[in-house]
Amino acid sequence: MCGDHSRQSRGGALAVLSLPLRSTPSMPPTTTGRLTFHDCGKGGSMATHVTLTPDENNTSNSLAQVDSYVVGIHETGDLTKSAIISPFLHKFNMTQGSQSLFDGQQERSIEVALSHPMKIEVGGEGIIGRRVTLWSQHAVDPIAEGIIGYN
C-alpha cells in the first residue's frame, strides 16, 4: 500500500479531487478536496450518501457555492479525454437534501443522500476506478476531478 500509512480505512469509496488535467484559463475557480461515498457506517457495499470535504487550504469558498455543484461519475477512469465528451454513468446535484457537517463552529463538509444507491465495487455498475468530476452549473468545464477508489 502506497501513500499515507497513518490513515485508517473508513470503508466506502473515496475520490481525491484536484485541478482538472485539461484546465483552461477561462475556467472558474477550482476546488480541491475529497468526495466520500458511504452508507453512514453500516459497512455495506452500497453507497447511500456522498460527502464533499474541501481541503483546508482551499482558496475558493467552495461550500458557499455548493448549491451550484453537480457531480458526474463517468463510465470509465480515462483522464486523457475531455470530461465534456466522456459519458456519465451517474450524475447528481450536491443540493438534493444536503446537510452541513461542522467541525467546531466552522462548516467543513456537505453530505447528500443519494437518490439511487451506488455499488462500491469494480466493473458493471460499480463506481470504483471511474473518473469523477465536480462541475459548477455556471461553467462549461469541471472545477475538479479525480478517480474513485476504495476508502
Protein backbone atom coordinates (compact mmCIF):
# COMPACT_ATOMS: atom_id res chain seq x y z
CA MET A 1 0.00 0.00 0.00
CA CYS A 2 1.41 3.38 -1.01
CA GLY A 3 0.94 6.80 0.48
CA ASP A 4 -0.06 7.89 3.98
CA HIS A 5 0.12 4.81 6.21
CA SER A 6 -1.21 6.66 9.29
CA ARG A 7 -4.72 7.00 7.84
CA GLN A 8 -7.01 4.05 8.57
CA SER A 9 -9.56 2.75 6.10
CA ARG A 10 -13.06 4.00 6.82
CA GLY A 11 -14.91 1.84 4.29
CA GLY A 12 -16.86 3.02 1.29
CA ALA A 13 -15.19 4.79 -1.62
CA LEU A 14 -13.04 7.91 -1.87
CA ALA A 15 -12.08 10.31 -4.64
CA VAL A 16 -9.36 12.88 -4.08
CA LEU A 17 -10.34 15.94 -6.10
CA SER A 18 -7.72 18.12 -7.75
CA LEU A 19 -7.32 20.58 -10.60
CA PRO A 20 -8.60 19.08 -13.87
CA LEU A 21 -5.81 17.89 -16.18
CA ARG A 22 -7.37 19.73 -19.10
CA SER A 23 -7.79 23.09 -17.36
CA THR A 24 -8.17 26.28 -19.38
CA PRO A 25 -7.52 29.95 -18.49
CA SER A 26 -11.25 30.73 -18.71
CA MET A 27 -12.17 28.18 -16.02
CA PRO A 28 -13.98 29.28 -12.87
CA PRO A 29 -12.14 28.93 -9.54
CA THR A 30 -11.27 25.30 -8.92
CA THR A 31 -11.68 23.35 -5.72
CA THR A 32 -9.64 20.58 -4.16
CA GLY A 33 -10.73 18.11 -1.54
CA ARG A 34 -12.40 14.74 -1.10
CA LEU A 35 -15.63 13.07 -2.14
CA THR A 36 -16.50 10.14 0.11
CA PHE A 37 -19.18 7.64 -0.94
CA HIS A 38 -20.54 5.71 2.05
CA ASP A 39 -23.52 4.07 3.76
CA CYS A 40 -23.32 6.04 7.03
CA GLY A 41 -21.11 3.49 8.77
CA LYS A 42 -23.19 0.36 8.11
CA GLY A 43 -20.27 -1.38 6.35
CA GLY A 44 -22.21 -2.42 3.25
CA SER A 45 -21.23 -2.46 -0.41
CA MET A 46 -23.76 0.18 -1.49
CA ALA A 47 -23.19 3.92 -1.15
CA THR A 48 -26.29 5.74 0.05
CA HIS A 49 -24.60 9.10 0.79
CA VAL A 50 -21.77 11.24 -0.54
CA THR A 51 -19.78 13.79 1.47
CA LEU A 52 -17.82 16.68 -0.08
CA THR A 53 -14.97 17.94 2.11
CA PRO A 54 -12.87 20.76 0.64
CA ASP A 55 -9.17 20.92 1.60
CA GLU A 56 -8.37 23.27 4.47
CA ASN A 57 -6.01 25.32 2.29
CA ASN A 58 -8.59 25.66 -0.48
CA THR A 59 -8.67 29.23 -1.77
CA SER A 60 -12.19 29.14 -3.20
CA ASN A 61 -15.17 29.45 -0.89
CA SER A 62 -16.45 26.12 -2.20
CA LEU A 63 -19.10 25.32 0.42
CA ALA A 64 -20.76 28.70 -0.09
CA GLN A 65 -21.25 27.76 -3.77
CA VAL A 66 -22.35 24.15 -3.20
CA ASP A 67 -25.87 24.89 -4.47
CA SER A 68 -24.43 25.10 -7.97
CA TYR A 69 -22.33 21.91 -7.80
CA VAL A 70 -23.04 18.84 -9.91
CA VAL A 71 -21.11 15.57 -9.50
CA GLY A 72 -20.59 13.36 -12.54
CA ILE A 73 -19.34 9.78 -12.34
CA HIS A 74 -18.11 8.77 -15.76
CA GLU A 75 -18.33 5.39 -17.48
CA THR A 76 -14.53 4.99 -17.45
CA GLY A 77 -11.50 6.16 -15.49
CA ASP A 78 -9.88 7.72 -18.58
CA LEU A 79 -8.49 11.16 -17.66
CA THR A 80 -6.95 11.70 -21.11
CA LYS A 81 -10.33 12.51 -22.71
CA SER A 82 -12.05 15.81 -22.21
CA ALA A 83 -14.65 15.49 -19.44
CA ILE A 84 -17.19 17.17 -21.72
CA ILE A 85 -17.18 14.21 -24.15
CA SER A 86 -16.74 11.47 -21.54
CA PRO A 87 -20.16 9.79 -20.96
CA PHE A 88 -21.69 9.68 -17.47
CA LEU A 89 -22.74 6.60 -15.53
CA HIS A 90 -24.28 8.73 -12.73
CA LYS A 91 -24.91 12.46 -12.30
CA PHE A 92 -26.41 14.29 -9.31
CA ASN A 93 -26.67 17.71 -7.66
CA MET A 94 -24.97 18.38 -4.32
CA THR A 95 -28.07 20.25 -3.11
CA GLN A 96 -30.59 17.40 -3.05
CA GLY A 97 -31.29 17.09 0.68
CA SER A 98 -27.82 18.30 1.66
CA GLN A 99 -26.74 18.54 5.29
CA SER A 100 -23.84 20.65 6.55
CA LEU A 101 -21.36 18.94 8.86
CA PHE A 102 -19.46 21.14 11.30
CA ASP A 103 -16.03 20.98 12.92
CA GLY A 104 -16.48 23.22 15.95
CA GLN A 105 -18.05 26.43 14.64
CA GLN A 106 -16.73 26.03 11.08
CA GLU A 107 -18.68 24.32 8.30
CA ARG A 108 -16.33 21.62 6.96
CA SER A 109 -18.33 19.39 4.63
CA ILE A 110 -21.64 18.78 2.91
CA GLU A 111 -23.36 15.39 2.97
CA VAL A 112 -26.01 14.42 0.43
CA ALA A 113 -28.30 11.38 0.44
CA LEU A 114 -28.11 9.73 -2.98
CA SER A 115 -31.44 9.25 -4.76
CA HIS A 116 -30.14 5.91 -6.14
CA PRO A 117 -27.64 3.84 -4.14
CA MET A 118 -24.34 3.15 -5.94
CA LYS A 119 -22.37 -0.10 -5.86
CA ILE A 120 -18.96 0.16 -4.18
CA GLU A 121 -17.27 -2.38 -6.44
CA VAL A 122 -15.22 -2.68 -9.62
CA GLY A 123 -16.89 -3.25 -13.00
CA GLY A 124 -20.52 -3.43 -14.03
CA GLU A 125 -22.47 -0.71 -12.25
CA GLY A 126 -19.73 -0.27 -9.63
CA ILE A 127 -18.11 3.15 -9.12
CA ILE A 128 -14.55 2.01 -8.21
CA GLY A 129 -11.97 3.01 -10.81
CA ARG A 130 -14.19 5.56 -12.51
CA ARG A 131 -13.49 9.21 -13.19
CA VAL A 132 -15.48 11.67 -11.10
CA THR A 133 -15.87 15.35 -11.95
CA LEU A 134 -17.22 18.26 -9.96
CA TRP A 135 -18.95 20.93 -12.03
CA SER A 136 -20.44 24.32 -11.33
CA GLN A 137 -23.79 24.71 -13.11
CA HIS A 138 -22.47 28.04 -14.35
CA ALA A 139 -19.34 26.64 -16.07
CA VAL A 140 -18.53 24.69 -19.21
CA ASP A 141 -15.53 22.83 -17.74
CA PRO A 142 -15.28 20.83 -14.49
CA ILE A 143 -13.82 22.61 -11.46
CA ALA A 144 -12.25 19.44 -10.03
CA GLU A 145 -11.74 15.78 -10.92
CA GLY A 146 -10.37 12.53 -9.58
CA ILE A 147 -10.61 8.74 -9.68
CA ILE A 148 -12.82 6.81 -7.26
CA GLY A 149 -11.04 4.16 -5.19
CA TYR A 150 -11.69 2.12 -2.08
CA ASN A 151 -11.52 4.13 1.14
